[in-house]
């Protein structure tokens, strides 16, 4: 038996003996006694004050990743989206969002034009992409987590402009048209569903070359060799 258990038994036994002695003494004097009136409270310690109501804090990452993580490499939790970063290709493995109708309501205080493309300083400089990588590359800095999905605050919107949330993407004919339409369609789904979970990431698709063999090839841009690859919503 542990010392703490022995101490607890000794304490309980001592209290019981004291209570029994008091009861017998009062009884011998013809006094009616209720057991509760002689039972000690708190063993001499003051009664604790009632605790205030505790409001549980909702974990935003747990909300977004309710159905599990596609992978666990270099996880980054932003205020309103979660990412797994690919240090080799200087882009994300995937970005996860949870959208609701309330999240997408227009907020006058949120101004996308005030946001700037910035390096993600949580990533070591050896593995980061920079604005110089995109300069004169012929590619847009294409959002993975769309800025239009994050209207709750200016901070939420600004975090979508981190370069870790970008992938090189053809501008005219894709990023500014087809991809933009796809992002709008995803937001439109919140009118029919309470929660819309969005996973966006690169696709490394093999292609058959003239020798009949399958290869995975993609262009890289800039001094940091940022991979230019396809993307898809899940």
Protein backbone atom coordinates (compact mmCIF):
# COMPACT_ATOMS: atom_id res chain seq x y z
CA UNK A 1 0.00 0.00 0.00
CA UNK A 2 1.29 3.43 -0.92
CA UNK A 3 2.16 5.95 1.88
CA UNK A 4 -0.53 8.31 0.56
CA UNK A 5 -3.15 5.57 0.95
CA UNK A 6 -1.98 4.83 4.52
CA UNK A 7 -2.18 8.53 5.41
CA UNK A 8 -5.69 8.73 3.99
CA UNK A 9 -6.81 5.73 6.09
CA UNK A 10 -5.24 7.16 9.28
CA UNK A 11 -6.92 10.52 8.70
CA UNK A 12 -10.29 8.91 8.06
CA UNK A 13 -9.97 6.70 11.12
CA UNK A 14 -9.03 9.64 13.38
CA UNK A 15 -12.01 11.69 12.21
CA UNK A 16 -14.38 8.74 12.72
CA UNK A 17 -13.06 8.18 16.27
CA UNK A 18 -13.50 11.88 17.19
CA UNK A 19 -17.01 11.98 15.72
CA UNK A 20 -17.98 8.77 17.55
CA UNK A 21 -16.70 10.07 20.89
CA UNK A 22 -18.67 13.30 20.56
CA UNK A 23 -21.80 11.39 19.60
CA UNK A 24 -21.57 9.05 22.64
CA UNK A 25 -20.95 11.97 25.03
CA UNK A 26 -23.96 13.94 23.76
CA UNK A 27 -26.16 10.84 23.75
CA UNK A 28 -25.30 10.08 27.41
CA UNK A 29 -26.57 13.59 28.33
CA UNK A 30 -29.93 12.87 26.69
CA UNK A 31 -29.27 15.14 23.67
CA UNK A 32 -30.72 14.22 20.29
CA UNK A 33 -27.96 14.37 17.70
CA UNK A 34 -28.00 14.22 13.89
CA UNK A 35 -24.95 12.59 12.38
CA UNK A 36 -24.49 15.45 9.91
CA UNK A 37 -24.19 17.97 12.76
CA UNK A 38 -20.96 16.42 14.02
CA UNK A 39 -19.39 15.42 10.72
CA UNK A 40 -16.36 17.64 9.97
CA UNK A 41 -16.26 19.59 6.70
CA UNK A 42 -13.02 19.84 4.77
CA UNK A 43 -10.92 18.43 7.65
CA UNK A 44 -10.31 21.92 9.04
CA UNK A 45 -9.75 23.55 5.63
CA UNK A 46 -12.00 26.38 4.44
CA UNK A 47 -14.79 25.51 2.05
CA UNK A 48 -13.79 26.26 -1.55
CA UNK A 49 -15.58 29.09 -3.27
CA UNK A 50 -17.82 28.16 -6.18
CA UNK A 51 -15.89 28.10 -9.44
CA UNK A 52 -16.93 30.47 -12.23
CA UNK A 53 -18.49 29.02 -15.35
CA UNK A 54 -15.77 28.07 -17.81
CA UNK A 55 -16.57 28.68 -21.47
CA UNK A 56 -14.72 26.09 -23.59
CA UNK A 57 -12.57 27.59 -26.34
CA UNK A 58 -13.15 26.11 -29.77
CA UNK A 59 -9.95 24.81 -31.37
CA UNK A 60 -10.05 26.11 -34.94
CA UNK A 61 -7.50 23.58 -36.19
CA UNK A 62 -9.63 20.74 -34.79
CA UNK A 63 -12.68 22.17 -36.56
CA UNK A 64 -10.90 22.38 -39.91
CA UNK A 65 -9.24 18.96 -39.63
CA UNK A 66 -12.32 17.19 -38.26
CA UNK A 67 -11.97 14.26 -40.66
CA UNK A 68 -8.21 13.81 -40.33
CA UNK A 69 -4.95 14.97 -41.86
CA UNK A 70 -3.92 13.88 -45.38
CA UNK A 71 -0.33 13.86 -44.10
CA UNK A 72 1.82 15.21 -41.27
CA UNK A 73 4.84 16.74 -42.99
CA UNK A 74 5.65 20.31 -41.89
CA UNK A 75 2.19 21.20 -40.54
CA UNK A 76 1.40 24.93 -40.27
CA UNK A 77 -1.79 26.09 -38.53
CA UNK A 78 -2.90 29.56 -39.55
CA UNK A 79 -5.80 31.43 -38.01
CA UNK A 80 -8.29 30.08 -40.52
CA UNK A 81 -6.59 27.33 -42.55
CA UNK A 82 -4.10 24.50 -42.10
CA UNK A 83 -1.23 23.56 -44.41
CA UNK A 84 1.40 20.90 -44.91
CA UNK A 85 4.49 22.43 -46.51
CA UNK A 86 6.73 20.74 -49.08
CA UNK A 87 10.26 22.02 -48.46
CA UNK A 88 11.67 20.35 -51.56
CA UNK A 89 9.30 22.02 -54.03
CA UNK A 90 8.77 25.25 -52.04
CA UNK A 91 4.98 24.87 -52.24
CA UNK A 92 2.36 23.22 -50.04
CA UNK A 93 1.62 19.50 -50.07
CA UNK A 94 -1.95 20.51 -49.27
CA UNK A 95 -4.00 23.32 -47.73
CA UNK A 96 -7.20 22.61 -45.79
CA UNK A 97 -10.11 24.97 -45.16
CA UNK A 98 -13.57 24.74 -43.57
CA UNK A 99 -16.06 27.20 -45.04
CA UNK A 100 -19.47 28.26 -43.73
CA UNK A 101 -21.97 30.82 -44.94
CA UNK A 102 -21.15 33.12 -42.01
CA UNK A 103 -17.43 32.95 -42.77
CA UNK A 104 -18.02 34.30 -46.26
CA UNK A 105 -20.18 37.28 -45.41
CA UNK A 106 -18.80 40.54 -46.76
CA UNK A 107 -16.92 42.49 -44.11
CA UNK A 108 -16.37 46.18 -44.84
CA UNK A 109 -13.27 46.21 -42.65
CA UNK A 110 -11.56 43.52 -44.78
CA UNK A 111 -9.78 45.02 -47.78
CA UNK A 112 -7.91 42.63 -50.05
CA UNK A 113 -6.08 45.51 -51.76
CA UNK A 114 -4.23 46.18 -48.50
CA UNK A 115 -2.72 42.68 -48.49
CA UNK A 116 0.84 42.04 -49.70
CA UNK A 117 2.57 38.89 -50.87
CA UNK A 118 5.03 37.97 -48.12
CA UNK A 119 7.58 35.26 -47.39
CA UNK A 120 6.53 32.78 -44.72
CA UNK A 121 9.07 33.45 -41.97
CA UNK A 122 8.07 30.28 -40.11
CA UNK A 123 9.94 28.38 -42.84
CA UNK A 124 13.73 28.31 -42.92
CA UNK A 125 15.17 30.55 -45.69
CA UNK A 126 16.74 27.48 -47.33
CA UNK A 127 13.27 26.11 -48.08
CA UNK A 128 11.22 29.25 -48.73
CA UNK A 129 9.89 30.72 -51.92
CA UNK A 130 10.31 34.46 -52.41
CA UNK A 131 8.78 37.15 -54.59
CA UNK A 132 11.97 37.10 -56.68
CA UNK A 133 11.14 33.54 -57.74
CA UNK A 134 7.98 34.78 -59.46
CA UNK A 135 9.47 37.95 -60.94
CA UNK A 136 9.53 37.77 -64.76
CA UNK A 137 8.69 34.06 -64.56
CA UNK A 138 5.50 34.33 -66.60
CA UNK A 139 3.51 32.77 -63.74
CA UNK A 140 1.05 34.22 -61.24
CA UNK A 141 1.34 33.70 -57.52
CA UNK A 142 -1.72 31.47 -57.37
CA UNK A 143 -3.56 31.11 -54.04
CA UNK A 144 -4.19 27.65 -52.64
CA UNK A 145 -6.40 28.88 -49.79
CA UNK A 146 -8.32 31.57 -51.68
CA UNK A 147 -8.31 35.10 -50.24
CA UNK A 148 -12.05 35.30 -50.95
CA UNK A 149 -12.63 32.43 -48.51
CA UNK A 150 -11.25 34.38 -45.53
CA UNK A 151 -13.29 37.50 -44.83
CA UNK A 152 -13.65 37.31 -41.06
CA UNK A 153 -10.73 39.66 -40.45
CA UNK A 154 -7.92 41.49 -42.21
CA UNK A 155 -5.41 39.14 -40.55
CA UNK A 156 -7.17 36.07 -41.97
CA UNK A 157 -7.09 37.58 -45.45
CA UNK A 158 -3.43 38.65 -45.16
CA UNK A 159 -2.35 35.14 -44.13
CA UNK A 160 -3.58 33.81 -47.47
CA UNK A 161 -0.94 36.02 -49.11
CA UNK A 162 1.94 34.11 -47.53
CA UNK A 163 4.06 32.64 -50.32
CA UNK A 164 3.83 29.23 -48.69
CA UNK A 165 0.16 29.38 -49.73
CA UNK A 166 1.09 30.04 -53.39
CA UNK A 167 1.84 27.91 -56.40
CA UNK A 168 3.13 29.15 -59.78
CA UNK A 169 0.14 29.25 -62.10
CA UNK A 170 -0.54 30.44 -65.62
CA UNK A 171 -2.39 33.73 -65.23
CA UNK A 172 -4.47 34.46 -68.33
CA UNK A 173 -6.70 31.54 -69.22
CA UNK A 174 -6.37 29.74 -65.91
CA UNK A 175 -5.64 31.49 -62.59
CA UNK A 176 -7.65 34.57 -63.50
CA UNK A 177 -10.47 32.70 -65.21
CA UNK A 178 -11.01 28.93 -64.79
CA UNK A 179 -9.44 28.72 -61.34
CA UNK A 180 -11.29 31.83 -60.20
CA UNK A 181 -14.58 30.27 -61.33
CA UNK A 182 -13.78 27.09 -59.39
CA UNK A 183 -13.11 29.10 -56.22
CA UNK A 184 -16.44 30.89 -56.62
CA UNK A 185 -18.22 27.58 -57.11
CA UNK A 186 -16.74 26.24 -53.87
CA UNK A 187 -17.97 29.31 -51.99
CA UNK A 188 -21.40 28.90 -53.62
CA UNK A 189 -21.67 25.44 -52.03
CA UNK A 190 -22.02 27.05 -48.59
CA UNK A 191 -25.53 28.11 -49.59
CA UNK A 192 -26.55 24.44 -49.63
CA UNK A 193 -24.27 22.85 -47.02
CA UNK A 194 -23.62 23.89 -43.43
CA UNK A 195 -19.90 23.09 -43.70
CA UNK A 196 -17.78 22.87 -46.83
CA UNK A 197 -14.35 21.27 -46.38
CA UNK A 198 -11.80 22.21 -49.03
CA UNK A 199 -8.46 20.50 -49.64
CA UNK A 200 -6.22 22.07 -52.29
CA UNK A 201 -2.85 20.79 -53.39
CA UNK A 202 -0.49 19.91 -56.24
CA UNK A 203 -0.88 16.92 -58.50
CA UNK A 204 2.27 15.20 -59.72
CA UNK A 205 0.80 13.45 -62.74
CA UNK A 206 2.88 11.08 -64.89
CA UNK A 207 2.97 11.43 -68.67
CA UNK A 208 4.03 8.97 -71.30
CA UNK A 209 7.06 10.10 -73.30
CA UNK A 210 8.06 9.12 -76.82
CA UNK A 211 10.01 6.13 -75.52
CA UNK A 212 6.76 4.69 -74.15
CA UNK A 213 7.78 5.16 -70.52
CA UNK A 214 5.94 7.20 -67.88
CA UNK A 215 7.68 10.24 -66.34
CA UNK A 216 6.79 12.89 -63.78
CA UNK A 217 8.20 16.21 -65.00
CA UNK A 218 7.50 19.79 -64.09
CA UNK A 219 9.10 23.18 -64.53
CA UNK A 220 10.75 25.03 -61.66
CA UNK A 221 11.09 28.81 -61.45
CA UNK A 222 13.34 31.33 -59.76
CA UNK A 223 16.55 30.99 -57.78
CA UNK A 224 14.78 28.74 -55.24
CA UNK A 225 13.45 26.30 -57.86
CA UNK A 226 9.76 26.61 -56.98
CA UNK A 227 7.80 23.79 -58.62
CA UNK A 228 5.15 24.69 -61.19
CA UNK A 229 2.55 21.96 -61.11
CA UNK A 230 -1.18 21.35 -61.47
CA UNK A 231 -3.67 21.81 -58.64
CA UNK A 232 -7.05 20.42 -57.69
CA UNK A 233 -9.84 20.85 -55.15
CA UNK A 234 -11.04 17.79 -53.28
